[in-house]
C-alpha atoms as a PDB file:
ATOM      1  CA  MET A   1      12.925  34.527  58.031  1.00  0.00           C
ATOM      2  CA  SER A   2       9.775  32.105  58.856  1.00  0.00           C
ATOM      3  CA  ALA A   3       6.598  33.351  57.899  1.00  0.00           C
ATOM      4  CA  THR A   4       4.247  34.073  60.948  1.00  0.00           C
ATOM      5  CA  ILE A   5       0.531  34.220  61.396  1.00  0.00           C
ATOM      6  CA  HIS A   6       0.093  37.738  60.906  1.00  0.00           C
ATOM      7  CA  ASP A   7       1.747  37.230  57.107  1.00  0.00           C
ATOM      8  CA  VAL A   8      -1.049  34.448  56.452  1.00  0.00           C
ATOM      9  CA  ALA A   9      -3.488  36.404  57.331  1.00  0.00           C
ATOM     10  CA  LYS A  10      -2.398  39.144  55.115  1.00  0.00           C
ATOM     11  CA  LEU A  11      -2.027  36.926  52.144  1.00  0.00           C
ATOM     12  CA  ALA A  12      -5.458  35.427  52.557  1.00  0.00           C
ATOM     13  CA  GLY A  13      -7.130  38.796  53.295  1.00  0.00           C
ATOM     14  CA  VAL A  14      -8.465  37.524  56.648  1.00  0.00           C
ATOM     15  CA  HIS A  15      -7.772  38.730  60.463  1.00  0.00           C
ATOM     16  CA  SER A  16      -5.165  37.017  62.568  1.00  0.00           C
ATOM     17  CA  SER A  17      -7.983  35.452  64.763  1.00  0.00           C
ATOM     18  CA  THR A  18      -9.593  33.965  61.446  1.00  0.00           C
ATOM     19  CA  VAL A  19      -5.920  31.850  60.940  1.00  0.00           C
ATOM     20  CA  SER A  20      -6.022  31.206  64.389  1.00  0.00           C
ATOM     21  CA  ARG A  21      -9.193  29.551  64.531  1.00  0.00           C
ATOM     22  CA  VAL A  22      -8.560  27.546  61.161  1.00  0.00           C
ATOM     23  CA  LEU A  23      -5.529  26.205  62.825  1.00  0.00           C
ATOM     24  CA  ASN A  24      -7.628  25.433  66.196  1.00  0.00           C
ATOM     25  CA  GLY A  25     -10.456  24.183  64.295  1.00  0.00           C
ATOM     26  CA  LYS A  26     -12.502  25.546  67.161  1.00  0.00           C
ATOM     27  CA  ALA A  27     -15.080  27.728  65.385  1.00  0.00           C
ATOM     28  CA  THR A  28     -17.186  27.246  62.207  1.00  0.00           C
ATOM     29  CA  ILE A  29     -15.170  29.121  59.072  1.00  0.00           C
ATOM     30  CA  THR A  30     -16.913  28.932  55.594  1.00  0.00           C
ATOM     31  CA  LYS A  31     -14.890  26.362  53.209  1.00  0.00           C
ATOM     32  CA  GLU A  32     -14.066  29.644  50.669  1.00  0.00           C
ATOM     33  CA  THR A  33     -11.997  31.215  53.906  1.00  0.00           C
ATOM     34  CA  LYS A  34     -10.616  28.136  54.988  1.00  0.00           C
ATOM     35  CA  GLU A  35      -8.941  27.107  52.001  1.00  0.00           C
ATOM     36  CA  ARG A  36      -7.756  30.632  51.269  1.00  0.00           C
ATOM     37  CA  VAL A  37      -5.992  30.329  54.820  1.00  0.00           C
ATOM     38  CA  LEU A  38      -4.715  26.795  53.894  1.00  0.00           C
ATOM     39  CA  ALA A  39      -3.486  28.085  50.529  1.00  0.00           C
ATOM     40  CA  ALA A  40      -1.757  31.115  51.786  1.00  0.00           C
ATOM     41  CA  MET A  41       0.214  28.699  54.609  1.00  0.00           C
ATOM     42  CA  LYS A  42       1.379  26.109  51.908  1.00  0.00           C
ATOM     43  CA  GLU A  43       2.501  29.386  49.819  1.00  0.00           C
ATOM     44  CA  LEU A  44       4.536  30.628  52.416  1.00  0.00           C
ATOM     45  CA  ASP A  45       5.625  27.563  53.605  1.00  0.00           C
ATOM     46  CA  PHE A  46       4.200  28.356  57.282  1.00  0.00           C
ATOM     47  CA  HIS A  47       4.250  25.970  59.959  1.00  0.00           C
ATOM     48  CA  PRO A  48       2.455  26.851  63.183  1.00  0.00           C
ATOM     49  CA  ASN A  49       4.115  25.876  66.395  1.00  0.00           C
ATOM     50  CA  SER A  50       2.071  22.812  67.171  1.00  0.00           C
ATOM     51  CA  VAL A  51       3.205  22.485  70.831  1.00  0.00           C
ATOM     52  CA  ALA A  52       1.709  26.179  71.938  1.00  0.00           C
ATOM     53  CA  ARG A  53      -1.250  25.698  69.563  1.00  0.00           C
ATOM     54  CA  ASN A  54      -2.246  22.532  71.239  1.00  0.00           C
ATOM     55  CA  LEU A  55      -1.745  23.879  74.511  1.00  0.00           C
ATOM     56  CA  ALA A  56      -3.974  26.635  74.066  1.00  0.00           C
ATOM     57  CA  SER A  57      -6.703  24.264  72.111  1.00  0.00           C
ATOM     58  CA  GLY A  58      -6.641  21.071  74.216  1.00  0.00           C
ATOM     59  CA  LEU A  59      -5.916  18.912  71.281  1.00  0.00           C
ATOM     60  CA  SER A  60      -3.118  16.660  70.905  1.00  0.00           C
ATOM     61  CA  GLY A  61      -2.455  17.708  67.185  1.00  0.00           C
ATOM     62  CA  ALA A  62      -2.526  14.041  66.108  1.00  0.00           C
ATOM     63  CA  ILE A  63      -4.672  11.586  64.737  1.00  0.00           C
ATOM     64  CA  GLY A  64      -4.654   7.591  64.852  1.00  0.00           C
ATOM     65  CA  VAL A  65      -4.636   4.925  62.298  1.00  0.00           C
ATOM     66  CA  VAL A  66      -5.133   1.675  63.550  1.00  0.00           C
ATOM     67  CA  VAL A  67      -4.244  -1.105  61.783  1.00  0.00           C
ATOM     68  CA  ASP A  68      -5.030  -4.982  61.809  1.00  0.00           C
ATOM     69  CA  ALA A  69      -1.270  -6.281  61.024  1.00  0.00           C
ATOM     70  CA  LYS A  70      -2.657 -10.111  61.093  1.00  0.00           C
ATOM     71  CA  ASP A  71      -5.484  -8.996  58.408  1.00  0.00           C
ATOM     72  CA  ALA A  72      -2.969  -9.393  55.266  1.00  0.00           C
ATOM     73  CA  GLU A  73      -5.221  -9.738  52.342  1.00  0.00           C
ATOM     74  CA  ALA A  74      -7.647  -7.159  53.700  1.00  0.00           C
ATOM     75  CA  PHE A  75      -5.122  -4.592  54.413  1.00  0.00           C
ATOM     76  CA  SER A  76      -2.390  -5.536  52.202  1.00  0.00           C
ATOM     77  CA  ASN A  77       1.002  -3.144  51.853  1.00  0.00           C
ATOM     78  CA  VAL A  78       0.128  -1.662  48.644  1.00  0.00           C
ATOM     79  CA  PHE A  79      -3.390  -0.935  49.843  1.00  0.00           C
ATOM     80  CA  PHE A  80      -2.142   0.358  53.032  1.00  0.00           C
ATOM     81  CA  SER A  81       0.647   2.406  51.563  1.00  0.00           C
ATOM     82  CA  ARG A  82      -1.726   4.382  49.327  1.00  0.00           C
ATOM     83  CA  SER A  83      -4.792   4.912  51.587  1.00  0.00           C
ATOM     84  CA  LEU A  84      -1.856   6.034  54.334  1.00  0.00           C
ATOM     85  CA  PHE A  85      -0.709   8.573  51.473  1.00  0.00           C
ATOM     86  CA  GLY A  86      -3.977   9.888  51.109  1.00  0.00           C
ATOM     87  CA  ILE A  87      -4.703  10.202  55.032  1.00  0.00           C
ATOM     88  CA  GLU A  88      -1.076  11.588  55.421  1.00  0.00           C
ATOM     89  CA  ARG A  89      -1.726  14.509  52.795  1.00  0.00           C
ATOM     90  CA  VAL A  90      -4.873  15.548  54.307  1.00  0.00           C
ATOM     91  CA  ALA A  91      -3.361  15.500  57.858  1.00  0.00           C
ATOM     92  CA  GLN A  92      -0.266  17.752  56.951  1.00  0.00           C
ATOM     93  CA  THR A  93      -2.347  20.511  55.186  1.00  0.00           C
ATOM     94  CA  ARG A  94      -3.994  20.550  58.671  1.00  0.00           C
ATOM     95  CA  GLY A  95      -0.587  20.719  60.563  1.00  0.00           C
ATOM     96  CA  TYR A  96      -1.226  17.311  62.075  1.00  0.00           C
ATOM     97  CA  ASN A  97       0.781  14.271  62.740  1.00  0.00           C
ATOM     98  CA  VAL A  98      -0.470  10.780  62.145  1.00  0.00           C
ATOM     99  CA  ILE A  99       0.480   7.934  64.998  1.00  0.00           C
ATOM    100  CA  ILE A 100       0.026   4.510  63.605  1.00  0.00           C
ATOM    101  CA  ALA A 101      -0.455   1.657  65.979  1.00  0.00           C
ATOM    102  CA  ASN A 102      -1.038  -2.247  65.807  1.00  0.00           C
ATOM    103  CA  GLY A 103      -4.492  -3.713  66.677  1.00  0.00           C
ATOM    104  CA  GLY A 104      -5.275  -6.896  65.595  1.00  0.00           C
ATOM    105  CA  VAL A 105      -6.314  -9.018  69.026  1.00  0.00           C
ATOM    106  CA  GLN A 106      -4.788  -6.224  71.307  1.00  0.00           C
ATOM    107  CA  ALA A 107      -7.430  -3.737  69.231  1.00  0.00           C
ATOM    108  CA  GLU A 108      -9.156  -2.673  72.125  1.00  0.00           C
ATOM    109  CA  SER A 109      -6.199  -1.786  74.709  1.00  0.00           C
ATOM    110  CA  ALA A 110      -4.326  -0.107  71.547  1.00  0.00           C
ATOM    111  CA  VAL A 111      -7.105   2.132  70.985  1.00  0.00           C
ATOM    112  CA  ALA A 112      -7.554   2.732  74.702  1.00  0.00           C
ATOM    113  CA  ALA A 113      -4.253   3.949  74.924  1.00  0.00           C
ATOM    114  CA  LEU A 114      -4.442   6.523  72.328  1.00  0.00           C
ATOM    115  CA  VAL A 115      -7.534   7.802  73.600  1.00  0.00           C
ATOM    116  CA  GLN A 116      -7.349   8.072  77.354  1.00  0.00           C
ATOM    117  CA  GLN A 117      -3.727   9.327  77.150  1.00  0.00           C
ATOM    118  CA  LYS A 118      -4.895  12.132  74.777  1.00  0.00           C
ATOM    119  CA  LYS A 119      -2.380  10.962  72.154  1.00  0.00           C
ATOM    120  CA  VAL A 120      -4.795  11.707  69.350  1.00  0.00           C
ATOM    121  CA  ASP A 121      -7.948  13.574  68.477  1.00  0.00           C
ATOM    122  CA  GLY A 122      -9.609  10.984  66.468  1.00  0.00           C
ATOM    123  CA  LEU A 123      -9.069   7.565  65.029  1.00  0.00           C
ATOM    124  CA  ILE A 124      -9.122   5.956  61.867  1.00  0.00           C
ATOM    125  CA  LEU A 125     -10.013   2.420  62.214  1.00  0.00           C
ATOM    126  CA  PRO A 126     -10.077  -0.949  59.701  1.00  0.00           C
ATOM    127  CA  PRO A 127     -13.335  -2.724  59.358  1.00  0.00           C
ATOM    128  CA  SER A 128     -12.219  -5.685  61.270  1.00  0.00           C
ATOM    129  CA  THR A 129     -11.573  -3.430  64.650  1.00  0.00           C
ATOM    130  CA  ALA A 130     -14.836  -1.828  64.634  1.00  0.00           C
ATOM    131  CA  LYS A 131     -16.853  -3.950  66.508  1.00  0.00           C
ATOM    132  CA  ARG A 132     -19.920  -2.813  68.312  1.00  0.00           C
ATOM    133  CA  GLN A 133     -18.334  -2.911  71.592  1.00  0.00           C
ATOM    134  CA  LEU A 134     -15.585  -1.100  70.714  1.00  0.00           C
ATOM    135  CA  ILE A 135     -17.351   1.916  69.123  1.00  0.00           C
ATOM    136  CA  ALA A 136     -19.887   2.130  72.429  1.00  0.00           C
ATOM    137  CA  LYS A 137     -16.857   2.371  74.815  1.00  0.00           C
ATOM    138  CA  LEU A 138     -15.706   5.219  72.614  1.00  0.00           C
ATOM    139  CA  ASN A 139     -18.768   6.956  73.365  1.00  0.00           C
ATOM    140  CA  GLY A 140     -18.746   9.880  70.608  1.00  0.00           C
ATOM    141  CA  PHE A 141     -15.021  10.271  70.390  1.00  0.00           C
ATOM    142  CA  PRO A 142     -13.890  11.314  66.679  1.00  0.00           C
ATOM    143  CA  VAL A 143     -13.628   7.896  64.667  1.00  0.00           C
ATOM    144  CA  VAL A 144     -14.198   6.876  61.032  1.00  0.00           C
ATOM    145  CA  ILE A 145     -13.655   3.366  59.310  1.00  0.00           C
ATOM    146  CA  LEU A 146     -11.232   3.305  56.445  1.00  0.00           C
ATOM    147  CA  GLY A 147     -14.023   0.805  54.780  1.00  0.00           C
ATOM    148  CA  GLN A 148     -17.340  -0.652  55.334  1.00  0.00           C
ATOM    149  CA  PRO A 149     -18.003  -2.180  58.604  1.00  0.00           C
ATOM    150  CA  ASP A 150     -19.557  -5.886  58.007  1.00  0.00           C
ATOM    151  CA  THR A 151     -22.158  -4.927  60.827  1.00  0.00           C
ATOM    152  CA  GLU A 152     -24.392  -2.968  58.722  1.00  0.00           C
ATOM    153  CA  GLN A 153     -26.424  -1.598  61.589  1.00  0.00           C
ATOM    154  CA  LEU A 154     -23.321  -0.304  63.321  1.00  0.00           C
ATOM    155  CA  ALA A 155     -24.010   3.439  63.528  1.00  0.00           C
ATOM    156  CA  VAL A 156     -20.372   4.821  62.550  1.00  0.00           C
ATOM    157  CA  ASN A 157     -18.805   6.845  60.240  1.00  0.00           C
ATOM    158  CA  TRP A 158     -17.254   5.002  57.512  1.00  0.00           C
ATOM    159  CA  VAL A 159     -15.760   5.441  53.955  1.00  0.00           C
ATOM    160  CA  ASP A 160     -15.212   2.621  51.255  1.00  0.00           C
ATOM    161  CA  ASN A 161     -14.817   1.933  47.603  1.00  0.00           C
ATOM    162  CA  ASN A 162     -18.003   0.557  45.756  1.00  0.00           C
ATOM    163  CA  ASN A 163     -16.640  -2.585  45.401  1.00  0.00           C
ATOM    164  CA  GLY A 164     -20.241  -4.177  44.450  1.00  0.00           C
ATOM    165  CA  GLN A 165     -20.495  -1.844  41.727  1.00  0.00           C
ATOM    166  CA  GLY A 166     -16.951  -2.477  40.654  1.00  0.00           C
ATOM    167  CA  ALA A 167     -17.975  -6.137  40.104  1.00  0.00           C
ATOM    168  CA  GLU A 168     -20.597  -5.245  38.006  1.00  0.00           C
ATOM    169  CA  LEU A 169     -18.573  -3.005  35.638  1.00  0.00           C
ATOM    170  CA  ALA A 170     -16.175  -5.792  35.077  1.00  0.00           C
ATOM    171  CA  VAL A 171     -19.052  -8.671  34.403  1.00  0.00           C
ATOM    172  CA  GLU A 172     -20.866  -5.922  31.994  1.00  0.00           C
ATOM    173  CA  HIS A 173     -17.548  -5.278  30.391  1.00  0.00           C
ATOM    174  CA  LEU A 174     -16.771  -9.134  29.880  1.00  0.00           C
ATOM    175  CA  LEU A 175     -20.294  -9.903  28.646  1.00  0.00           C
ATOM    176  CA  GLN A 176     -20.071  -6.736  25.920  1.00  0.00           C
ATOM    177  CA  LYS A 177     -17.218  -8.417  24.646  1.00  0.00           C
ATOM    178  CA  ASN A 178     -19.023 -11.909  24.002  1.00  0.00           C
ATOM    179  CA  TYR A 179     -17.636 -13.612  26.975  1.00  0.00           C
ATOM    180  CA  GLN A 180     -20.778 -15.914  28.256  1.00  0.00           C
ATOM    181  CA  ARG A 181     -19.439 -17.886  31.395  1.00  0.00           C
ATOM    182  CA  VAL A 182     -17.887 -15.664  33.921  1.00  0.00           C
ATOM    183  CA  ALA A 183     -16.129 -17.049  36.856  1.00  0.00           C
ATOM    184  CA  TYR A 184     -15.204 -15.084  40.402  1.00  0.00           C
ATOM    185  CA  LEU A 185     -11.923 -16.349  41.400  1.00  0.00           C
ATOM    186  CA  GLY A 186     -10.061 -15.425  44.930  1.00  0.00           C
ATOM    187  CA  GLY A 187     -10.276 -13.653  48.294  1.00  0.00           C
ATOM    188  CA  ASP A 188     -11.512 -15.231  51.589  1.00  0.00           C
ATOM    189  CA  LYS A 189     -15.511 -15.244  51.913  1.00  0.00           C
ATOM    190  CA  ARG A 190     -15.221 -14.313  55.859  1.00  0.00           C
ATOM    191  CA  LEU A 191     -14.369 -10.759  54.544  1.00  0.00           C
ATOM    192  CA  GLY A 192     -17.172  -8.206  53.674  1.00  0.00           C
ATOM    193  CA  PHE A 193     -15.408  -6.511  50.937  1.00  0.00           C
ATOM    194  CA  VAL A 194     -14.959  -9.919  49.145  1.00  0.00           C
ATOM    195  CA  ASN A 195     -18.664 -10.568  49.645  1.00  0.00           C
ATOM    196  CA  ARG A 196     -19.691  -7.444  48.549  1.00  0.00           C
ATOM    197  CA  ARG A 197     -17.678  -8.033  45.310  1.00  0.00           C
ATOM    198  CA  VAL A 198     -19.040 -11.524  44.640  1.00  0.00           C
ATOM    199  CA  ASN A 199     -22.707 -10.063  45.312  1.00  0.00           C
ATOM    200  CA  GLY A 200     -22.087  -7.405  42.577  1.00  0.00           C
ATOM    201  CA  TYR A 201     -20.637 -10.203  40.075  1.00  0.00           C
ATOM    202  CA  LEU A 202     -23.803 -12.359  40.833  1.00  0.00           C
ATOM    203  CA  ARG A 203     -26.165  -9.173  40.282  1.00  0.00           C
ATOM    204  CA  ALA A 204     -24.394  -8.680  37.195  1.00  0.00           C
ATOM    205  CA  LEU A 205     -24.747 -12.022  35.572  1.00  0.00           C
ATOM    206  CA  GLY A 206     -28.800 -12.432  36.393  1.00  0.00           C
ATOM    207  CA  ALA A 207     -30.842 -15.218  37.721  1.00  0.00           C
ATOM    208  CA  GLU A 208     -30.024 -17.389  34.619  1.00  0.00           C
ATOM    209  CA  ALA A 209     -26.517 -16.983  33.532  1.00  0.00           C
ATOM    210  CA  LEU A 210     -24.254 -19.884  34.944  1.00  0.00           C
ATOM    211  CA  LYS A 211     -22.232 -19.101  37.847  1.00  0.00           C
ATOM    212  CA  GLN A 212     -18.822 -19.939  39.593  1.00  0.00           C
ATOM    213  CA  VAL A 213     -17.271 -18.834  43.040  1.00  0.00           C
ATOM    214  CA  VAL A 214     -14.236 -20.066  43.828  1.00  0.00           C
ATOM    215  CA  TYR A 215     -11.945 -18.821  46.778  1.00  0.00           C
ATOM    216  CA  CYS A 216      -8.352 -18.717  47.603  1.00  0.00           C
ATOM    217  CA  GLU A 217      -5.309 -17.273  48.816  1.00  0.00           C
ATOM    218  CA  SER A 218      -3.834 -13.962  47.020  1.00  0.00           C
ATOM    219  CA  ASP A 219      -1.020 -15.836  45.902  1.00  0.00           C
ATOM    220  CA  PRO A 220       0.118 -16.524  42.496  1.00  0.00           C
ATOM    221  CA  LYS A 221       1.177 -20.088  43.096  1.00  0.00           C
ATOM    222  CA  ILE A 222      -1.902 -20.975  44.848  1.00  0.00           C
ATOM    223  CA  SER A 223      -4.265 -19.255  42.256  1.00  0.00           C
ATOM    224  CA  SER A 224      -2.414 -20.918  39.429  1.00  0.00           C
ATOM    225  CA  LYS A 225      -3.264 -24.314  41.099  1.00  0.00           C
ATOM    226  CA  VAL A 226      -6.639 -23.295  41.160  1.00  0.00           C
ATOM    227  CA  ALA A 227      -7.232 -21.892  37.748  1.00  0.00           C
ATOM    228  CA  GLU A 228      -5.445 -24.891  36.396  1.00  0.00           C
ATOM    229  CA  LYS A 229      -8.672 -27.333  37.787  1.00  0.00           C
ATOM    230  CA  MET A 230     -11.093 -24.512  36.568  1.00  0.00           C
ATOM    231  CA  LEU A 231      -9.586 -24.383  33.176  1.00  0.00           C
ATOM    232  CA  SER A 232      -9.169 -28.047  32.716  1.00  0.00           C
ATOM    233  CA  ALA A 233     -12.943 -28.888  33.248  1.00  0.00           C
ATOM    234  CA  GLU A 234     -15.395 -29.734  30.147  1.00  0.00           C
ATOM    235  CA  ASN A 235     -17.464 -26.635  30.684  1.00  0.00           C
ATOM    236  CA  ARG A 236     -14.605 -24.367  31.699  1.00  0.00           C
ATOM    237  CA  PRO A 237     -15.211 -20.976  32.128  1.00  0.00           C
ATOM    238  CA  ASP A 238     -14.286 -18.235  29.130  1.00  0.00           C
ATOM    239  CA  SER A 239     -13.491 -15.652  31.644  1.00  0.00           C
ATOM    240  CA  VAL A 240     -12.556 -14.649  34.808  1.00  0.00           C
ATOM    241  CA  LEU A 241     -12.943 -11.852  37.268  1.00  0.00           C
ATOM    242  CA  CYS A 242     -10.107 -12.150  39.821  1.00  0.00           C
ATOM    243  CA  ASN A 243     -10.031 -10.761  43.343  1.00  0.00           C
ATOM    244  CA  ASP A 244      -6.733  -9.217  43.302  1.00  0.00           C
ATOM    245  CA  ASN A 245      -3.292  -8.681  40.834  1.00  0.00           C
ATOM    246  CA  MET A 246      -1.946 -11.631  42.524  1.00  0.00           C
ATOM    247  CA  VAL A 247      -4.991 -14.127  41.545  1.00  0.00           C
ATOM    248  CA  ALA A 248      -4.714 -12.812  37.790  1.00  0.00           C
ATOM    249  CA  LEU A 249      -0.853 -13.684  37.836  1.00  0.00           C
ATOM    250  CA  GLY A 250      -1.762 -17.442  38.630  1.00  0.00           C
ATOM    251  CA  VAL A 251      -4.823 -17.240  36.227  1.00  0.00           C
ATOM    252  CA  ILE A 252      -2.126 -16.215  33.291  1.00  0.00           C
ATOM    253  CA  GLN A 253      -0.111 -18.976  34.381  1.00  0.00           C
ATOM    254  CA  ALA A 254      -2.535 -21.471  34.255  1.00  0.00           C
ATOM    255  CA  ALA A 255      -3.992 -20.304  30.580  1.00  0.00           C
ATOM    256  CA  LYS A 256      -0.221 -20.320  29.161  1.00  0.00           C
ATOM    257  CA  LYS A 257       0.410 -23.721  30.832  1.00  0.00           C
ATOM    258  CA  LEU A 258      -2.669 -25.250  29.128  1.00  0.00           C
ATOM    259  CA  SER A 259      -2.307 -23.477  26.103  1.00  0.00           C
ATOM    260  CA  ILE A 260      -5.184 -21.160  26.381  1.00  0.00           C
ATOM    261  CA  SER A 261      -5.204 -17.844  24.490  1.00  0.00           C
ATOM    262  CA  ILE A 262      -5.867 -14.513  26.240  1.00  0.00           C
ATOM    263  CA  PRO A 263      -7.906 -12.898  25.572  1.00  0.00           C
ATOM    264  CA  ASP A 264      -9.295 -14.953  22.394  1.00  0.00           C
ATOM    265  CA  GLU A 265     -10.072 -17.822  24.458  1.00  0.00           C
ATOM    266  CA  LEU A 266     -10.161 -16.588  27.644  1.00  0.00           C
ATOM    267  CA  GLY A 267     -10.892 -12.729  29.151  1.00  0.00           C
ATOM    268  CA  ILE A 268      -9.472 -11.519  32.559  1.00  0.00           C
ATOM    269  CA  VAL A 269     -10.591  -8.613  34.557  1.00  0.00           C
ATOM    270  CA  THR A 270      -9.070  -7.901  38.113  1.00  0.00           C
ATOM    271  CA  PHE A 271      -9.645  -5.585  41.052  1.00  0.00           C
ATOM    272  CA  ASP A 272      -6.995  -3.008  41.558  1.00  0.00           C
ATOM    273  CA  ASN A 273      -4.798  -1.108  39.100  1.00  0.00           C
ATOM    274  CA  TYR A 274      -1.455  -2.146  40.960  1.00  0.00           C
ATOM    275  CA  PRO A 275       1.862  -1.069  38.951  1.00  0.00           C
ATOM    276  CA  ILE A 276       2.217  -4.467  37.408  1.00  0.00           C
ATOM    277  CA  ALA A 277      -1.096  -4.500  36.046  1.00  0.00           C
ATOM    278  CA  GLU A 278       0.073  -2.399  33.191  1.00  0.00           C
ATOM    279  CA  TYR A 279       3.546  -4.328  32.541  1.00  0.00           C
ATOM    280  CA  VAL A 280       2.394  -7.999  32.575  1.00  0.00           C
ATOM    281  CA  ASP A 281       1.746 -10.153  29.553  1.00  0.00           C
ATOM    282  CA  PRO A 282      -0.867  -9.940  28.698  1.00  0.00           C
ATOM    283  CA  SER A 283      -1.428  -6.630  30.035  1.00  0.00           C
ATOM    284  CA  LEU A 284      -4.590  -6.905  32.587  1.00  0.00           C
ATOM    285  CA  THR A 285      -7.783  -5.040  32.403  1.00  0.00           C
ATOM    286  CA  VAL A 286      -8.581  -3.440  35.977  1.00  0.00           C
ATOM    287  CA  VAL A 287     -11.219  -2.147  38.043  1.00  0.00           C
ATOM    288  CA  ASP A 288      -9.407   1.063  39.201  1.00  0.00           C
ATOM    289  CA  ILE A 289     -10.216   1.323  43.080  1.00  0.00           C
ATOM    290  CA  ASP A 290      -8.555   5.041  44.284  1.00  0.00           C
ATOM    291  CA  THR A 291      -6.983   3.872  47.618  1.00  0.00           C
ATOM    292  CA  ALA A 292      -5.412   7.259  48.059  1.00  0.00           C
ATOM    293  CA  LEU A 293      -8.531   9.133  47.626  1.00  0.00           C
ATOM    294  CA  LEU A 294     -10.075   6.629  49.872  1.00  0.00           C
ATOM    295  CA  GLY A 295      -7.471   7.720  52.546  1.00  0.00           C
ATOM    296  CA  GLU A 296      -8.417  11.273  51.697  1.00  0.00           C
ATOM    297  CA  GLN A 297     -11.812  11.411  52.036  1.00  0.00           C
ATOM    298  CA  THR A 298     -11.547   9.177  55.034  1.00  0.00           C
ATOM    299  CA  ALA A 299      -9.264  11.824  56.615  1.00  0.00           C
ATOM    300  CA  ASN A 300     -11.481  14.716  55.674  1.00  0.00           C
ATOM    301  CA  LEU A 301     -14.451  12.757  57.287  1.00  0.00           C
ATOM    302  CA  LEU A 302     -12.369  12.472  60.272  1.00  0.00           C
ATOM    303  CA  PHE A 303     -11.375  16.074  60.826  1.00  0.00           C
ATOM    304  CA  GLN A 304     -15.174  16.976  60.051  1.00  0.00           C
ATOM    305  CA  CYS A 305     -15.815  14.890  63.136  1.00  0.00           C
ATOM    306  CA  ILE A 306     -13.348  16.210  65.320  1.00  0.00           C
ATOM    307  CA  GLU A 307     -14.512  19.908  64.267  1.00  0.00           C
ATOM    308  CA  ARG A 308     -18.200  18.525  65.335  1.00  0.00           C
ATOM    309  CA  ILE A 309     -19.343  19.463  61.662  1.00  0.00           C
ATOM    310  CA  SER A 310     -20.384  16.154  60.765  1.00  0.00           C
ATOM    311  CA  THR A 311     -21.580  12.789  62.404  1.00  0.00           C
ATOM    312  CA  ASN A 312     -22.920   9.064  61.365  1.00  0.00           C
ATOM    313  CA  GLN A 313     -22.212   9.568  57.602  1.00  0.00           C
ATOM    314  CA  GLN A 314     -21.540   6.892  55.437  1.00  0.00           C
ATOM    315  CA  THR A 315     -19.744   7.394  51.710  1.00  0.00           C
ATOM    316  CA  LEU A 316     -19.096   4.175  48.946  1.00  0.00           C
ATOM    317  CA  LEU A 317     -16.652   5.953  46.343  1.00  0.00           C
ATOM    318  CA  GLY A 318     -17.278   4.572  42.800  1.00  0.00           C
ATOM    319  CA  THR A 319     -14.551   2.985  40.618  1.00  0.00           C
ATOM    320  CA  SER A 320     -13.987   2.691  36.998  1.00  0.00           C
ATOM    321  CA  LEU A 321     -12.689  -0.002  34.345  1.00  0.00           C
ATOM    322  CA  ILE A 322      -9.523   0.523  32.530  1.00  0.00           C
ATOM    323  CA  GLU A 323      -9.477  -1.846  29.464  1.00  0.00           C
ATOM    324  CA  ARG A 324      -6.227  -3.491  28.473  1.00  0.00           C
ATOM    325  CA  GLU A 325      -5.385  -6.259  26.679  1.00  0.00           C
ATOM    326  CA  SER A 326      -6.306  -9.385  28.944  1.00  0.00           C
ATOM    327  CA  SER A 327     -10.270  -8.800  27.590  1.00  0.00           C
ATOM    328  CA  SER A 328      -9.840  -6.774  24.688  1.00  0.00           C
ATOM    329  CA  ARG A 329     -10.820  -9.581  21.993  1.00  0.00           C
ATOM    330  CA  LYS A 330     -12.797  -8.884  19.067  1.00  0.00           C
ATOM    331  CA  LYS A 331     -16.347  -9.455  19.555  1.00  0.00           C
END
């Protein structure tokens, strides 16, 4: 027999009306009480009648995630799947569904369809879609940006990884390993998160250090050719910070072709701890970005906006460095 709202209330030690308020998000409930109710729902495998609940509350019971499918490098499949997993996990605990819509050049019409037809109670947008004109049209509708907008003055909720701090961690690690000529390779300079990584790289090196920034596509074949040219130069870099794993694979290929030993003659650090990073030869030192946590934090902030608890909040999530063979030479 399925659990009822009264069963949840009894297990959580609250009144049935409190459980209803948690489900509807219409009243302020203490964090402790809300967590107790959600834990009881999970234990009892309680699934509310979403149709009845939504008719009573005026809510749709869904949130929208708009994706710019054309922006492949900024919103790659691995990034998206991990972030979406985090969003789905939070939405599920709230009894919400997630609707995915493709934005791109048709972002305004895609967003308008979701909002005007009341298909969603809130929206998660990529930075490429979060233009000032679109945000203004939404006029207070709950929105959170999954990533830091390129327009710094945009008064909107967003959550992102601290890309600049991640680059600083990587460069400091390489300098501690006694590498002296650190280059940055990969990425599209038109993308905000790439620029923030490059700026972190430049800050960590300081004004007097030699610097080399080369942009290229996230493709091992392309990055291999670019890296081969870099590593064949007279004053070649002795270490490379890569924008992502695909670029790092190209650097490894180039180094092997030129008989350059990793990590003794060349250190490599890359952003993103993709599954391949641990198993390539040599295994890759990475700046670990928790994209699942990014999705969770973005979804949590969106529900705060839906419940009118929080607005205009910007959050940067810290990164960490995982050292592996590609940079582990002895000083």
